[in-house]
Amino acid sequence: MLVKPTKKELREELEQALCRFVAQGGEVKQIDRGISGFDSRYQAFTVQPIEKPAQTRTDLSDVIKTLSLRKAALMKKPVRRKPTKKLIYDDFGEPLRWVTIEE
């Protein structure tokens, strides 16, 4: 499992990198508050396209075919239905008796 570093660890790592930079002769400039690195205020809101290499796709046609065959096999099984009752009438339309019908 990938564990993300804590904020404390990130701060310590940044402080060490800054110390190494200063020790190699680097210089840190102070920038006034409110100054932006963008040339214009509209440049900050433009979306920069991310160039990514084309991803390779995994062919799953065999898996889909296997699943389709499995589903078709399940559909061919006979379905057992419960017996149903049907009311039988006489010649004059009066109910006579109930009959159980199995389909």
Protein backbone atom coordinates (compact mmCIF):
# COMPACT_ATOMS: atom_id res chain seq x y z
CA MET A 1 0.00 0.00 0.00
CA LEU A 2 1.32 3.42 -0.95
CA VAL A 3 1.65 5.66 2.11
CA LYS A 4 1.48 9.41 1.54
CA PRO A 5 4.01 11.50 3.45
CA THR A 6 2.62 13.66 6.24
CA LYS A 7 2.74 17.45 6.16
CA LYS A 8 5.49 17.39 8.78
CA GLU A 9 7.61 15.08 6.61
CA LEU A 10 7.02 17.28 3.56
CA ARG A 11 8.05 20.40 5.50
CA GLU A 12 11.23 18.68 6.74
CA GLU A 13 12.10 17.50 3.22
CA LEU A 14 11.54 21.01 1.82
CA GLU A 15 13.69 22.52 4.58
CA GLN A 16 16.52 20.05 3.83
CA ALA A 17 16.32 20.81 0.10
CA LEU A 18 16.46 24.54 0.85
CA CYS A 19 19.51 24.06 3.13
CA ARG A 20 21.29 22.04 0.40
CA PHE A 21 20.49 24.76 -2.15
CA VAL A 22 21.89 27.53 0.08
CA ALA A 23 24.95 25.40 0.96
CA GLN A 24 25.77 25.02 -2.77
CA GLY A 25 25.80 28.80 -3.12
CA GLY A 26 22.17 29.35 -4.05
CA GLU A 27 20.39 32.55 -3.11
CA VAL A 28 16.79 33.04 -1.95
CA LYS A 29 15.10 36.27 -3.04
CA GLN A 30 12.28 37.84 -1.07
CA ILE A 31 9.17 38.57 -3.14
CA ASP A 32 6.55 41.08 -1.99
CA ARG A 33 3.10 39.75 -1.12
CA GLY A 34 0.58 39.83 -3.94
CA ILE A 35 3.15 39.44 -6.71
CA SER A 36 2.33 36.63 -9.12
CA GLY A 37 4.54 34.62 -11.41
CA PHE A 38 2.04 35.08 -14.26
CA ASP A 39 2.51 37.88 -16.78
CA SER A 40 -1.17 38.85 -16.78
CA ARG A 41 -4.02 38.09 -14.45
CA TYR A 42 -5.83 36.14 -17.19
CA GLN A 43 -2.89 33.83 -17.77
CA ALA A 44 -3.52 32.19 -14.38
CA PHE A 45 -6.88 30.86 -15.55
CA THR A 46 -5.85 29.31 -18.85
CA VAL A 47 -5.74 25.55 -18.95
CA GLN A 48 -2.46 24.09 -20.08
CA PRO A 49 -2.85 20.86 -22.08
CA ILE A 50 -1.20 17.83 -20.55
CA GLU A 51 0.73 15.78 -23.06
CA LYS A 52 0.35 12.09 -22.33
CA PRO A 53 1.47 9.17 -24.45
CA ALA A 54 -1.27 7.07 -25.97
CA GLN A 55 -2.37 4.28 -23.68
CA THR A 56 -2.40 0.70 -24.83
CA ARG A 57 -5.76 -0.98 -24.56
CA THR A 58 -6.35 -4.49 -23.28
CA ASP A 59 -8.33 -6.68 -25.65
CA LEU A 60 -11.27 -8.15 -23.74
CA SER A 61 -13.19 -9.71 -26.61
CA ASP A 62 -12.36 -13.25 -25.38
CA VAL A 63 -13.63 -12.43 -21.90
CA ILE A 64 -16.84 -10.95 -23.31
CA LYS A 65 -17.38 -14.01 -25.52
CA THR A 66 -16.91 -16.33 -22.51
CA LEU A 67 -19.38 -14.35 -20.43
CA SER A 68 -21.91 -14.31 -23.27
CA LEU A 69 -21.67 -18.10 -23.67
CA ARG A 70 -22.08 -18.57 -19.91
CA LYS A 71 -25.15 -16.32 -19.91
CA ALA A 72 -26.64 -18.16 -22.89
CA ALA A 73 -26.15 -21.50 -21.11
CA LEU A 74 -28.01 -20.18 -18.09
CA MET A 75 -30.89 -18.96 -20.25
CA LYS A 76 -31.38 -22.44 -21.80
CA LYS A 77 -32.13 -24.09 -18.46
CA PRO A 78 -35.80 -25.00 -18.11
CA VAL A 79 -37.70 -22.83 -15.71
CA ARG A 80 -39.82 -24.70 -13.19
CA ARG A 81 -43.12 -23.02 -12.77
CA LYS A 82 -45.50 -23.45 -9.92
CA PRO A 83 -48.72 -25.24 -10.64
CA THR A 84 -51.62 -22.83 -11.18
CA LYS A 85 -55.25 -23.20 -10.27
CA LYS A 86 -57.94 -22.76 -12.91
CA LEU A 87 -61.65 -22.44 -12.26
CA ILE A 88 -63.83 -24.75 -14.36
CA TYR A 89 -67.33 -23.56 -15.24
CA ASP A 90 -70.35 -25.64 -16.20
CA ASP A 91 -72.52 -25.10 -19.30
CA PHE A 92 -74.54 -22.38 -17.60
CA GLY A 93 -71.49 -20.30 -16.51
CA GLU A 94 -71.62 -21.36 -12.89
CA PRO A 95 -68.30 -22.22 -11.16
CA LEU A 96 -67.97 -25.97 -10.89
CA ARG A 97 -64.51 -26.76 -9.41
CA TRP A 98 -60.85 -25.76 -9.25
CA VAL A 99 -58.32 -27.71 -11.31
CA THR A 100 -54.53 -27.61 -10.82
CA ILE A 101 -52.64 -27.17 -14.07
CA GLU A 102 -48.91 -27.85 -14.37
CA GLU A 103 -47.15 -26.25 -17.32
